[in-house]
Amino acid sequence: MRPQRAIVKQLPNLLTIFRLLMVPVVVELILEGRLAWAFWVFVLAGVTDAVDGILARVLDARSKLGGFLDPLADKALLVSVFVALGWSGVLPSWIVTLVVFRDVLIVGGAILYEMVVGGLHMRPLLVSKANTVAQVALGAGTLAVEGLNLDVGPLVGVLTFAAAATTIASGAAYLWVWGRHALEATHEGDDR
């Protein structure tokens, strides 16, 4: 592979690393109360997420590293923004706790599943994708309302409810799927 082609193939991963580097920037902006700037950095992070996904497909540049880094960058950004907004008193602590607990539950469940059952194949569930959209909308909506002084009526309340509902549904769905697979694996082991 020519050096230029190798560099081009790494563009999606470089964008993902750039998104990871934006996490402490957006957190610091939130903690300093500079929510308008935090909103724009959050939007830029969202744009890089979309662009790196498009580039990975168009350039046929999907990689094992990208498959690991992309969801890590997404989770790091979302959880950090939620924690910072909660710490600043902008978001209620119960929604922050719910979001963080779900992610801890999923990571802990994945580790436990791999240790006990083995052969974990992580594929995002549809409800998990809806949850990500709801959490991004709540994070962006909250930053926009607070940072840009937008009057959107009850929108943030609706987004909070949607994020909470999909967070609970997503966590429960992962537990259900993994529990079912673990039982099937146990029964297959008993049949041998």
Protein backbone atom coordinates (compact mmCIF):
# COMPACT_ATOMS: atom_id res chain seq x y z
CA MET A 1 0.00 0.00 0.00
CA ARG A 2 1.37 3.41 -0.95
CA PRO A 3 2.13 5.79 1.97
CA GLN A 4 -0.49 8.33 0.83
CA ARG A 5 -3.13 5.60 0.67
CA ALA A 6 -2.15 4.37 4.14
CA ILE A 7 -2.52 7.90 5.54
CA VAL A 8 -5.90 8.36 3.85
CA LYS A 9 -7.09 5.05 5.31
CA GLN A 10 -6.23 6.38 8.78
CA LEU A 11 -8.37 9.54 8.45
CA PRO A 12 -11.40 8.02 10.22
CA ASN A 13 -9.24 6.96 13.18
CA LEU A 14 -7.55 10.38 13.29
CA LEU A 15 -10.97 12.07 13.43
CA THR A 16 -12.00 9.72 16.24
CA ILE A 17 -8.83 10.56 18.19
CA PHE A 18 -9.57 14.26 17.60
CA ARG A 19 -13.07 13.66 19.04
CA LEU A 20 -11.52 12.01 22.10
CA LEU A 21 -9.27 15.03 22.56
CA MET A 22 -12.35 17.29 22.52
CA VAL A 23 -13.74 15.59 25.64
CA PRO A 24 -11.61 17.46 28.21
CA VAL A 25 -12.14 20.70 26.27
CA VAL A 26 -15.94 20.49 26.36
CA VAL A 27 -15.88 19.41 30.03
CA GLU A 28 -13.67 22.36 30.98
CA LEU A 29 -15.92 24.76 29.07
CA ILE A 30 -19.00 23.42 30.89
CA LEU A 31 -17.32 23.64 34.29
CA GLU A 32 -16.25 27.23 33.53
CA GLY A 33 -19.86 28.09 32.61
CA ARG A 34 -18.98 28.79 28.99
CA LEU A 35 -21.91 26.75 27.70
CA ALA A 36 -22.21 28.43 24.30
CA TRP A 37 -18.64 27.41 23.48
CA ALA A 38 -19.30 23.97 24.95
CA PHE A 39 -22.32 23.64 22.65
CA TRP A 40 -20.24 24.40 19.55
CA VAL A 41 -17.46 21.99 20.56
CA PHE A 42 -20.12 19.33 21.20
CA VAL A 43 -21.58 19.98 17.73
CA LEU A 44 -18.10 19.76 16.19
CA ALA A 45 -17.60 16.42 17.95
CA GLY A 46 -20.89 15.20 16.49
CA VAL A 47 -19.85 16.29 13.01
CA THR A 48 -16.51 14.45 13.31
CA ASP A 49 -18.42 11.34 14.42
CA ALA A 50 -20.58 11.46 11.31
CA VAL A 51 -17.65 12.23 9.00
CA ASP A 52 -15.41 9.48 10.37
CA GLY A 53 -18.20 6.94 9.85
CA ILE A 54 -18.79 8.10 6.27
CA LEU A 55 -15.06 8.09 5.50
CA ALA A 56 -14.63 4.60 6.96
CA ARG A 57 -17.31 3.30 4.58
CA VAL A 58 -16.33 5.31 1.49
CA LEU A 59 -12.60 4.64 1.84
CA ASP A 60 -13.17 1.04 2.92
CA ALA A 61 -11.10 1.99 5.96
CA ARG A 62 -12.88 0.10 8.73
CA SER A 63 -10.38 -1.19 11.22
CA LYS A 64 -10.22 -3.08 14.49
CA LEU A 65 -8.76 0.04 16.12
CA GLY A 66 -11.59 2.18 14.76
CA GLY A 67 -14.16 -0.36 15.95
CA PHE A 68 -12.76 0.07 19.46
CA LEU A 69 -12.02 3.82 19.42
CA ASP A 70 -15.29 5.06 17.89
CA PRO A 71 -17.66 3.77 20.60
CA LEU A 72 -15.09 4.71 23.26
CA ALA A 73 -15.01 8.30 21.99
CA ASP A 74 -18.82 8.43 21.83
CA LYS A 75 -19.22 7.13 25.39
CA ALA A 76 -16.41 9.28 26.78
CA LEU A 77 -17.98 12.39 25.26
CA LEU A 78 -21.55 11.67 26.33
CA VAL A 79 -20.79 10.49 29.86
CA SER A 80 -18.35 13.36 30.44
CA VAL A 81 -20.83 15.96 29.19
CA PHE A 82 -23.60 14.52 31.36
CA VAL A 83 -21.39 14.41 34.45
CA ALA A 84 -20.14 17.97 33.85
CA LEU A 85 -23.69 19.27 33.28
CA GLY A 86 -24.83 17.48 36.44
CA TRP A 87 -21.86 18.78 38.44
CA SER A 88 -22.67 22.30 37.26
CA GLY A 89 -26.31 21.91 38.31
CA VAL A 90 -27.57 22.27 34.76
CA LEU A 91 -28.95 18.71 34.51
CA PRO A 92 -30.71 16.94 37.38
CA SER A 93 -28.48 14.47 39.19
CA TRP A 94 -30.95 11.59 38.74
CA ILE A 95 -30.58 11.59 34.92
CA VAL A 96 -26.79 11.80 35.21
CA THR A 97 -26.78 8.88 37.66
CA LEU A 98 -29.06 6.86 35.36
CA VAL A 99 -26.86 7.45 32.29
CA VAL A 100 -23.64 6.61 34.13
CA PHE A 101 -25.18 3.57 35.85
CA ARG A 102 -26.37 2.14 32.52
CA ASP A 103 -22.91 2.43 31.01
CA VAL A 104 -21.26 0.89 34.08
CA LEU A 105 -23.86 -1.90 33.97
CA ILE A 106 -23.17 -2.60 30.30
CA VAL A 107 -19.39 -2.55 30.65
CA GLY A 108 -19.52 -4.64 33.84
CA GLY A 109 -22.01 -7.03 32.26
CA ALA A 110 -19.82 -7.43 29.17
CA ILE A 111 -16.76 -8.20 31.29
CA LEU A 112 -18.71 -10.67 33.45
CA TYR A 113 -20.25 -12.33 30.39
CA GLU A 114 -16.84 -12.73 28.75
CA MET A 115 -15.34 -14.17 31.95
CA VAL A 116 -18.17 -16.60 32.68
CA VAL A 117 -19.57 -17.52 29.26
CA GLY A 118 -16.95 -16.26 26.79
CA GLY A 119 -17.35 -15.40 23.14
CA LEU A 120 -19.09 -12.06 23.62
CA HIS A 121 -19.97 -10.40 20.34
CA MET A 122 -21.05 -6.82 20.97
CA ARG A 123 -23.53 -5.46 18.49
CA PRO A 124 -25.47 -2.35 19.33
CA LEU A 125 -29.17 -3.00 19.79
CA LEU A 126 -31.73 -0.77 18.06
CA VAL A 127 -32.92 0.55 21.43
CA SER A 128 -29.30 1.39 22.27
CA LYS A 129 -28.99 3.43 19.09
CA ALA A 130 -32.22 5.25 19.99
CA ASN A 131 -30.76 5.85 23.45
CA THR A 132 -27.62 7.38 21.97
CA VAL A 133 -29.73 9.71 19.83
CA ALA A 134 -31.84 10.70 22.88
CA GLN A 135 -28.75 11.34 25.02
CA VAL A 136 -27.05 13.38 22.28
CA ALA A 137 -30.25 15.39 21.80
CA LEU A 138 -30.51 16.04 25.54
CA GLY A 139 -26.85 17.04 25.82
CA ALA A 140 -26.98 19.31 22.78
CA GLY A 141 -30.41 20.68 23.67
CA THR A 142 -29.37 21.50 27.22
CA LEU A 143 -26.16 23.19 26.06
CA ALA A 144 -28.07 25.15 23.41
CA VAL A 145 -30.81 26.29 25.78
CA GLU A 146 -28.41 27.26 28.56
CA GLY A 147 -25.52 28.51 26.42
CA LEU A 148 -27.40 30.25 23.62
CA ASN A 149 -30.31 31.39 25.83
CA LEU A 150 -32.92 29.71 23.66
CA ASP A 151 -36.52 29.56 24.80
CA VAL A 152 -37.81 26.19 23.64
CA GLY A 153 -40.57 25.70 26.20
CA PRO A 154 -40.75 22.18 27.61
CA LEU A 155 -38.31 20.68 25.06
CA VAL A 156 -35.54 19.93 27.56
CA GLY A 157 -38.07 18.22 29.84
CA VAL A 158 -39.29 16.07 26.95
CA LEU A 159 -35.70 15.24 25.96
CA THR A 160 -34.90 14.34 29.59
CA PHE A 161 -37.87 11.97 29.69
CA ALA A 162 -36.88 10.42 26.33
CA ALA A 163 -33.27 9.97 27.45
CA ALA A 164 -34.38 8.41 30.75
CA ALA A 165 -36.86 6.04 29.10
CA THR A 166 -34.42 4.86 26.43
CA THR A 167 -31.59 4.56 28.96
CA ILE A 168 -33.69 2.21 31.12
CA ALA A 169 -34.96 0.28 28.09
CA SER A 170 -31.47 -0.07 26.64
CA GLY A 171 -29.92 -1.29 29.89
CA ALA A 172 -32.76 -3.79 30.38
CA ALA A 173 -32.47 -4.98 26.77
CA TYR A 174 -28.75 -5.72 27.12
CA LEU A 175 -29.37 -7.63 30.36
CA TRP A 176 -32.13 -9.62 28.67
CA VAL A 177 -30.08 -10.48 25.58
CA TRP A 178 -26.97 -11.42 27.55
CA GLY A 179 -29.00 -13.40 30.08
CA ARG A 180 -30.70 -15.33 27.30
CA HIS A 181 -27.39 -16.06 25.57
CA ALA A 182 -25.80 -17.12 28.86
CA LEU A 183 -28.67 -19.55 29.53
CA GLU A 184 -28.40 -20.97 26.00
CA ALA A 185 -24.65 -21.42 26.41
CA THR A 186 -25.20 -23.15 29.77
CA HIS A 187 -27.77 -25.51 28.25
CA GLU A 188 -25.48 -26.30 25.33
CA GLY A 189 -22.73 -27.14 27.84
CA ASP A 190 -25.14 -29.44 29.74
CA ASP A 191 -26.05 -31.31 26.55
CA ARG A 192 -22.43 -32.32 25.89
